[in-house]
Structures are given as C-alpha cells and as structure tokens.
Amino acid sequence: MTLRATTNAAALILAARQLATQMGNDLSIQEIRPLEQIVSASVATQRFALQVIGLFAIVALVLAVIGIYGVMSFAANRRAKEVAIRTALGATPADTFGLMLGHGLRLIVAGLLVGGLASVALTRALSRQAARTISDGHIGIAERKYRSRAASSPVAAPAYCSRARSVIENSSAQFTPGLAA
C-alpha cells in the first residue's frame, strides 16, 4: 500500500496502523518506509556499479596523463641536442618552445582524430547490434507465447508463429526485459 502525505508522516503511520487493525485481523502492516528509502534501496546496486566504474575512469585518466607526460618528456630529452644546436644558431626560447609544443599538439590532434573516428564507428556498430538483439528478443518472446498455445495443436503451430511475427511487425511496443518469463 502506498500513502501520500502532505502533513507529518509519523502521524500518518499511526493512523494507517489504526486503520489496519480496525479493518480486521487479516490485514497487518509489517513495515513502513518512506518512498525515498525504497527507491534508494532499489537502485543501490546500480549506484555502486556506477561509482566503481567512475573510480576506474578516474584511475584510467590519471594513468593516461602520466603516460602522456612520460612520452612528451622522453621526446623532449631525445631532442635536447637539436634544441641546443638551434639555440646556438640563434633560435629564441619562444621558437624552441613553439617547436616542442607544435610537435606535441600534432600528436594530440592525430590521436583525437583517430579516437573520434573509431568511437563513431564503434558506436554505430554497437547500436546496430543492440537493436538487432532487442528485436530478436522481442520476436522470440512472442513466438514462445504463440508456440506454447500451438503445442496442443501441431497443425496450428505454423499459423501461430506467423501470427506472432505479424504482431511484432505491426506493433509499436518496446521490448521490456522484465517480461521475458
């Protein structure tokens, strides 16, 4: 039973218990909890999983930054002689800084382009796969429903299965994972 209150919830709890005892012995209230607590408990597993994923994402980001720093430091150390020669030939510190920064930015832009194109391609592939899986699951549920009816009459089985496909093709209902029983 769900009760909605605009006043003090404690008074409503007492009134609900009294009403239950007045209605008879068959009705008893075992537990009364606020809706916020019920909703919080129902999504606790998903919340924990998302927090763990977020933690792993932060760790991955830190590791990526450390890796980029290491690669850029290595590249700068390899070019130390080149920088010294350019400075000896008259390059200003701004020119040297621009040279090193330009090299790093080219690598970053190349990485972003390759990563962006790969993510677009993978997103499209995964969405097609997900749509295929959902539609296959939906047809499978309807066919099971109609096949269970057709089990008693083997002659009518093909008609039931074709009816299941036409119901799916003509319906605009979405697949609901909880209804697959």
C-alpha atoms as a PDB file:
ATOM      1  CA  MET A   1       0.000   0.000   0.000  1.00  0.00           C
ATOM      2  CA  THR A   2       1.274   3.473  -0.797  1.00  0.00           C
ATOM      3  CA  LEU A   3       0.225   6.512   1.175  1.00  0.00           C
ATOM      4  CA  ARG A   4       0.842  10.104   0.218  1.00  0.00           C
ATOM      5  CA  ALA A   5       1.043  12.715   2.918  1.00  0.00           C
ATOM      6  CA  THR A   6       1.330  16.468   2.939  1.00  0.00           C
ATOM      7  CA  THR A   7       1.486  16.560   6.723  1.00  0.00           C
ATOM      8  CA  ASN A   8       3.609  14.825   9.344  1.00  0.00           C
ATOM      9  CA  ALA A   9       4.487  11.297   8.178  1.00  0.00           C
ATOM     10  CA  ALA A  10       4.689   9.959  11.750  1.00  0.00           C
ATOM     11  CA  ALA A  11       1.038  10.820  12.363  1.00  0.00           C
ATOM     12  CA  LEU A  12       0.098   9.121   9.105  1.00  0.00           C
ATOM     13  CA  ILE A  13       1.926   5.949  10.146  1.00  0.00           C
ATOM     14  CA  LEU A  14      -0.031   5.771  13.394  1.00  0.00           C
ATOM     15  CA  ALA A  15      -3.315   6.413  11.548  1.00  0.00           C
ATOM     16  CA  ALA A  16      -2.511   3.694   8.979  1.00  0.00           C
ATOM     17  CA  ARG A  17      -1.796   1.151  11.723  1.00  0.00           C
ATOM     18  CA  GLN A  18      -5.041   2.006  13.490  1.00  0.00           C
ATOM     19  CA  LEU A  19      -6.991   1.729  10.237  1.00  0.00           C
ATOM     20  CA  ALA A  20      -5.437  -1.672   9.536  1.00  0.00           C
ATOM     21  CA  THR A  21      -6.442  -3.003  12.951  1.00  0.00           C
ATOM     22  CA  GLN A  22      -9.984  -1.653  12.509  1.00  0.00           C
ATOM     23  CA  MET A  23     -10.327  -3.410   9.137  1.00  0.00           C
ATOM     24  CA  GLY A  24      -9.712  -6.831  10.621  1.00  0.00           C
ATOM     25  CA  ASN A  25      -7.144  -9.353  11.746  1.00  0.00           C
ATOM     26  CA  ASP A  26      -6.229 -10.458   8.209  1.00  0.00           C
ATOM     27  CA  LEU A  27      -4.593  -7.138   7.445  1.00  0.00           C
ATOM     28  CA  SER A  28      -1.361  -6.265   9.173  1.00  0.00           C
ATOM     29  CA  ILE A  29       1.341  -3.727   8.457  1.00  0.00           C
ATOM     30  CA  GLN A  30       4.766  -5.298   8.633  1.00  0.00           C
ATOM     31  CA  GLU A  31       6.995  -2.429   7.645  1.00  0.00           C
ATOM     32  CA  ILE A  32       6.539   1.239   6.867  1.00  0.00           C
ATOM     33  CA  ARG A  33       9.279   3.069   4.984  1.00  0.00           C
ATOM     34  CA  PRO A  34       9.441   6.351   3.126  1.00  0.00           C
ATOM     35  CA  LEU A  35       9.356   6.088  -0.664  1.00  0.00           C
ATOM     36  CA  GLU A  36      12.760   7.752  -0.916  1.00  0.00           C
ATOM     37  CA  GLN A  37      14.258   4.931   1.143  1.00  0.00           C
ATOM     38  CA  ILE A  38      12.588   2.263  -1.008  1.00  0.00           C
ATOM     39  CA  VAL A  39      13.790   3.890  -4.234  1.00  0.00           C
ATOM     40  CA  SER A  40      17.281   4.357  -2.798  1.00  0.00           C
ATOM     41  CA  ALA A  41      17.462   0.678  -1.846  1.00  0.00           C
ATOM     42  CA  SER A  42      16.212  -0.423  -5.273  1.00  0.00           C
ATOM     43  CA  VAL A  43      18.949   1.472  -7.133  1.00  0.00           C
ATOM     44  CA  ALA A  44      21.752   0.832  -4.638  1.00  0.00           C
ATOM     45  CA  THR A  45      23.371  -1.883  -6.766  1.00  0.00           C
ATOM     46  CA  GLN A  46      23.344   0.271  -9.893  1.00  0.00           C
ATOM     47  CA  ARG A  47      24.658   3.253  -7.931  1.00  0.00           C
ATOM     48  CA  PHE A  48      27.539   1.174  -6.553  1.00  0.00           C
ATOM     49  CA  ALA A  49      28.390  -0.191 -10.003  1.00  0.00           C
ATOM     50  CA  LEU A  50      28.438   3.324 -11.458  1.00  0.00           C
ATOM     51  CA  GLN A  51      30.644   4.559  -8.628  1.00  0.00           C
ATOM     52  CA  VAL A  52      33.119   1.735  -9.261  1.00  0.00           C
ATOM     53  CA  ILE A  53      33.083   2.500 -13.000  1.00  0.00           C
ATOM     54  CA  GLY A  54      33.657   6.173 -12.199  1.00  0.00           C
ATOM     55  CA  LEU A  55      36.589   5.269  -9.968  1.00  0.00           C
ATOM     56  CA  PHE A  56      38.123   3.152 -12.728  1.00  0.00           C
ATOM     57  CA  ALA A  57      37.589   6.009 -15.203  1.00  0.00           C
ATOM     58  CA  ILE A  58      39.443   8.418 -12.901  1.00  0.00           C
ATOM     59  CA  VAL A  59      42.300   5.922 -12.472  1.00  0.00           C
ATOM     60  CA  ALA A  60      42.450   5.458 -16.263  1.00  0.00           C
ATOM     61  CA  LEU A  61      42.540   9.221 -16.777  1.00  0.00           C
ATOM     62  CA  VAL A  62      45.376   9.632 -14.271  1.00  0.00           C
ATOM     63  CA  LEU A  63      47.327   6.811 -15.911  1.00  0.00           C
ATOM     64  CA  ALA A  64      46.764   8.363 -19.350  1.00  0.00           C
ATOM     65  CA  VAL A  65      48.026  11.752 -18.155  1.00  0.00           C
ATOM     66  CA  ILE A  66      51.100  10.137 -16.602  1.00  0.00           C
ATOM     67  CA  GLY A  67      51.717   8.224 -19.838  1.00  0.00           C
ATOM     68  CA  ILE A  68      51.399  11.347 -21.974  1.00  0.00           C
ATOM     69  CA  TYR A  69      53.766  13.191 -19.659  1.00  0.00           C
ATOM     70  CA  GLY A  70      56.282  10.351 -19.919  1.00  0.00           C
ATOM     71  CA  VAL A  71      56.118  10.221 -23.719  1.00  0.00           C
ATOM     72  CA  MET A  72      56.451  14.009 -24.060  1.00  0.00           C
ATOM     73  CA  SER A  73      59.350  14.063 -21.588  1.00  0.00           C
ATOM     74  CA  PHE A  74      61.090  11.284 -23.487  1.00  0.00           C
ATOM     75  CA  ALA A  75      60.579  13.113 -26.793  1.00  0.00           C
ATOM     76  CA  ALA A  76      61.946  16.352 -25.318  1.00  0.00           C
ATOM     77  CA  ASN A  77      65.007  14.557 -23.908  1.00  0.00           C
ATOM     78  CA  ARG A  78      65.685  12.903 -27.280  1.00  0.00           C
ATOM     79  CA  ARG A  79      65.638  16.307 -28.968  1.00  0.00           C
ATOM     80  CA  ALA A  80      67.846  18.007 -26.366  1.00  0.00           C
ATOM     81  CA  LYS A  81      70.843  18.108 -28.698  1.00  0.00           C
ATOM     82  CA  GLU A  82      68.710  19.509 -31.511  1.00  0.00           C
ATOM     83  CA  VAL A  83      67.373  22.219 -29.211  1.00  0.00           C
ATOM     84  CA  ALA A  84      70.929  23.054 -28.091  1.00  0.00           C
ATOM     85  CA  ILE A  85      72.107  23.357 -31.701  1.00  0.00           C
ATOM     86  CA  ARG A  86      69.100  25.540 -32.645  1.00  0.00           C
ATOM     87  CA  THR A  87      69.750  27.764 -29.639  1.00  0.00           C
ATOM     88  CA  ALA A  88      73.447  28.024 -30.572  1.00  0.00           C
ATOM     89  CA  LEU A  89      72.475  29.028 -34.114  1.00  0.00           C
ATOM     90  CA  GLY A  90      70.252  31.838 -32.817  1.00  0.00           C
ATOM     91  CA  ALA A  91      66.801  30.389 -32.106  1.00  0.00           C
ATOM     92  CA  THR A  92      64.910  32.251 -29.409  1.00  0.00           C
ATOM     93  CA  PRO A  93      63.383  30.402 -26.451  1.00  0.00           C
ATOM     94  CA  ALA A  94      59.931  31.141 -27.911  1.00  0.00           C
ATOM     95  CA  ASP A  95      60.934  29.417 -31.177  1.00  0.00           C
ATOM     96  CA  THR A  96      62.207  26.396 -29.281  1.00  0.00           C
ATOM     97  CA  PHE A  97      59.077  26.254 -27.141  1.00  0.00           C
ATOM     98  CA  GLY A  98      56.890  26.555 -30.260  1.00  0.00           C
ATOM     99  CA  LEU A  99      58.785  23.723 -31.933  1.00  0.00           C
ATOM    100  CA  MET A 100      58.288  21.384 -28.986  1.00  0.00           C
ATOM    101  CA  LEU A 101      54.674  22.430 -28.436  1.00  0.00           C
ATOM    102  CA  GLY A 102      53.863  22.047 -32.136  1.00  0.00           C
ATOM    103  CA  HIS A 103      55.191  18.504 -32.167  1.00  0.00           C
ATOM    104  CA  GLY A 104      53.113  17.599 -29.110  1.00  0.00           C
ATOM    105  CA  LEU A 105      49.970  19.210 -30.496  1.00  0.00           C
ATOM    106  CA  ARG A 106      50.304  17.307 -33.777  1.00  0.00           C
ATOM    107  CA  LEU A 107      50.389  14.043 -31.825  1.00  0.00           C
ATOM    108  CA  ILE A 108      47.384  15.095 -29.737  1.00  0.00           C
ATOM    109  CA  VAL A 109      45.329  16.116 -32.795  1.00  0.00           C
ATOM    110  CA  ALA A 110      46.198  12.862 -34.575  1.00  0.00           C
ATOM    111  CA  GLY A 111      45.163  10.876 -31.502  1.00  0.00           C
ATOM    112  CA  LEU A 112      41.898  12.777 -31.180  1.00  0.00           C
ATOM    113  CA  LEU A 113      41.048  12.225 -34.847  1.00  0.00           C
ATOM    114  CA  VAL A 114      41.791   8.514 -34.767  1.00  0.00           C
ATOM    115  CA  GLY A 115      39.981   8.084 -31.438  1.00  0.00           C
ATOM    116  CA  GLY A 116      36.983  10.122 -32.573  1.00  0.00           C
ATOM    117  CA  LEU A 117      36.581   8.191 -35.821  1.00  0.00           C
ATOM    118  CA  ALA A 118      36.971   4.876 -34.003  1.00  0.00           C
ATOM    119  CA  SER A 119      34.398   5.860 -31.389  1.00  0.00           C
ATOM    120  CA  VAL A 120      31.867   6.898 -34.052  1.00  0.00           C
ATOM    121  CA  ALA A 121      32.352   3.622 -35.926  1.00  0.00           C
ATOM    122  CA  LEU A 122      32.108   1.518 -32.754  1.00  0.00           C
ATOM    123  CA  THR A 123      29.060   3.426 -31.518  1.00  0.00           C
ATOM    124  CA  ARG A 124      27.224   2.749 -34.765  1.00  0.00           C
ATOM    125  CA  ALA A 125      28.229  -0.917 -34.753  1.00  0.00           C
ATOM    126  CA  LEU A 126      27.168  -1.404 -31.129  1.00  0.00           C
ATOM    127  CA  SER A 127      23.846   0.392 -31.615  1.00  0.00           C
ATOM    128  CA  ARG A 128      23.053  -1.807 -34.633  1.00  0.00           C
ATOM    129  CA  GLN A 129      23.956  -4.885 -32.584  1.00  0.00           C
ATOM    130  CA  ALA A 130      21.825  -3.715 -29.652  1.00  0.00           C
ATOM    131  CA  ALA A 131      18.849  -3.015 -31.934  1.00  0.00           C
ATOM    132  CA  ARG A 132      19.243  -6.446 -33.529  1.00  0.00           C
ATOM    133  CA  THR A 133      19.413  -8.120 -30.116  1.00  0.00           C
ATOM    134  CA  ILE A 134      16.349  -6.293 -28.825  1.00  0.00           C
ATOM    135  CA  SER A 135      14.268  -7.064 -31.903  1.00  0.00           C
ATOM    136  CA  ASP A 136      15.358 -10.723 -31.877  1.00  0.00           C
ATOM    137  CA  GLY A 137      14.476 -10.960 -28.189  1.00  0.00           C
ATOM    138  CA  HIS A 138      11.060  -9.395 -28.796  1.00  0.00           C
ATOM    139  CA  ILE A 139      10.223 -11.813 -31.615  1.00  0.00           C
ATOM    140  CA  GLY A 140      11.497 -14.703 -29.509  1.00  0.00           C
ATOM    141  CA  ILE A 141       9.147 -13.785 -26.659  1.00  0.00           C
ATOM    142  CA  ALA A 142       6.129 -13.551 -28.943  1.00  0.00           C
ATOM    143  CA  GLU A 143       6.995 -16.814 -30.689  1.00  0.00           C
ATOM    144  CA  ARG A 144       7.324 -18.609 -27.349  1.00  0.00           C
ATOM    145  CA  LYS A 145       3.923 -17.260 -26.355  1.00  0.00           C
ATOM    146  CA  TYR A 146       2.285 -18.466 -29.536  1.00  0.00           C
ATOM    147  CA  ARG A 147       4.234 -21.748 -29.645  1.00  0.00           C
ATOM    148  CA  SER A 148       3.016 -22.609 -26.154  1.00  0.00           C
ATOM    149  CA  ARG A 149      -0.528 -22.201 -27.468  1.00  0.00           C
ATOM    150  CA  ALA A 150       0.322 -24.222 -30.554  1.00  0.00           C
ATOM    151  CA  ALA A 151       1.862 -27.107 -28.587  1.00  0.00           C
ATOM    152  CA  SER A 152      -1.556 -28.658 -28.100  1.00  0.00           C
ATOM    153  CA  SER A 153      -2.300 -28.464 -31.839  1.00  0.00           C
ATOM    154  CA  PRO A 154       0.674 -29.305 -34.119  1.00  0.00           C
ATOM    155  CA  VAL A 155      -1.399 -28.452 -37.178  1.00  0.00           C
ATOM    156  CA  ALA A 156      -1.924 -24.873 -35.990  1.00  0.00           C
ATOM    157  CA  ALA A 157       1.722 -24.245 -34.987  1.00  0.00           C
ATOM    158  CA  PRO A 158       2.800 -22.527 -38.249  1.00  0.00           C
ATOM    159  CA  ALA A 159      -0.238 -20.261 -38.122  1.00  0.00           C
ATOM    160  CA  TYR A 160       0.534 -19.248 -34.545  1.00  0.00           C
ATOM    161  CA  CYS A 161       4.181 -18.499 -35.402  1.00  0.00           C
ATOM    162  CA  SER A 162       3.262 -16.391 -38.417  1.00  0.00           C
ATOM    163  CA  ARG A 163       0.699 -14.608 -36.246  1.00  0.00           C
ATOM    164  CA  ALA A 164       3.472 -13.867 -33.712  1.00  0.00           C
ATOM    165  CA  ARG A 165       5.649 -12.323 -36.413  1.00  0.00           C
ATOM    166  CA  SER A 166       2.802 -10.171 -37.712  1.00  0.00           C
ATOM    167  CA  VAL A 167       2.012  -8.976 -34.190  1.00  0.00           C
ATOM    168  CA  ILE A 168       5.631  -7.928 -33.719  1.00  0.00           C
ATOM    169  CA  GLU A 169       5.906  -6.249 -37.103  1.00  0.00           C
ATOM    170  CA  ASN A 170       2.660  -4.322 -36.631  1.00  0.00           C
ATOM    171  CA  SER A 171       3.132  -3.355 -33.010  1.00  0.00           C
ATOM    172  CA  SER A 172       4.893  -0.263 -31.800  1.00  0.00           C
ATOM    173  CA  ALA A 173       5.525  -1.727 -28.338  1.00  0.00           C
ATOM    174  CA  GLN A 174       9.050  -1.658 -26.995  1.00  0.00           C
ATOM    175  CA  PHE A 175      10.883  -4.686 -25.645  1.00  0.00           C
ATOM    176  CA  THR A 176      10.764  -4.786 -21.865  1.00  0.00           C
ATOM    177  CA  PRO A 177      13.442  -7.072 -20.398  1.00  0.00           C
ATOM    178  CA  GLY A 178      11.428  -7.893 -17.252  1.00  0.00           C
ATOM    179  CA  LEU A 179       8.593  -9.525 -19.227  1.00  0.00           C
ATOM    180  CA  ALA A 180      10.596 -12.379 -20.737  1.00  0.00           C
ATOM    181  CA  ALA A 181       9.169 -15.055 -18.410  1.00  0.00           C
END
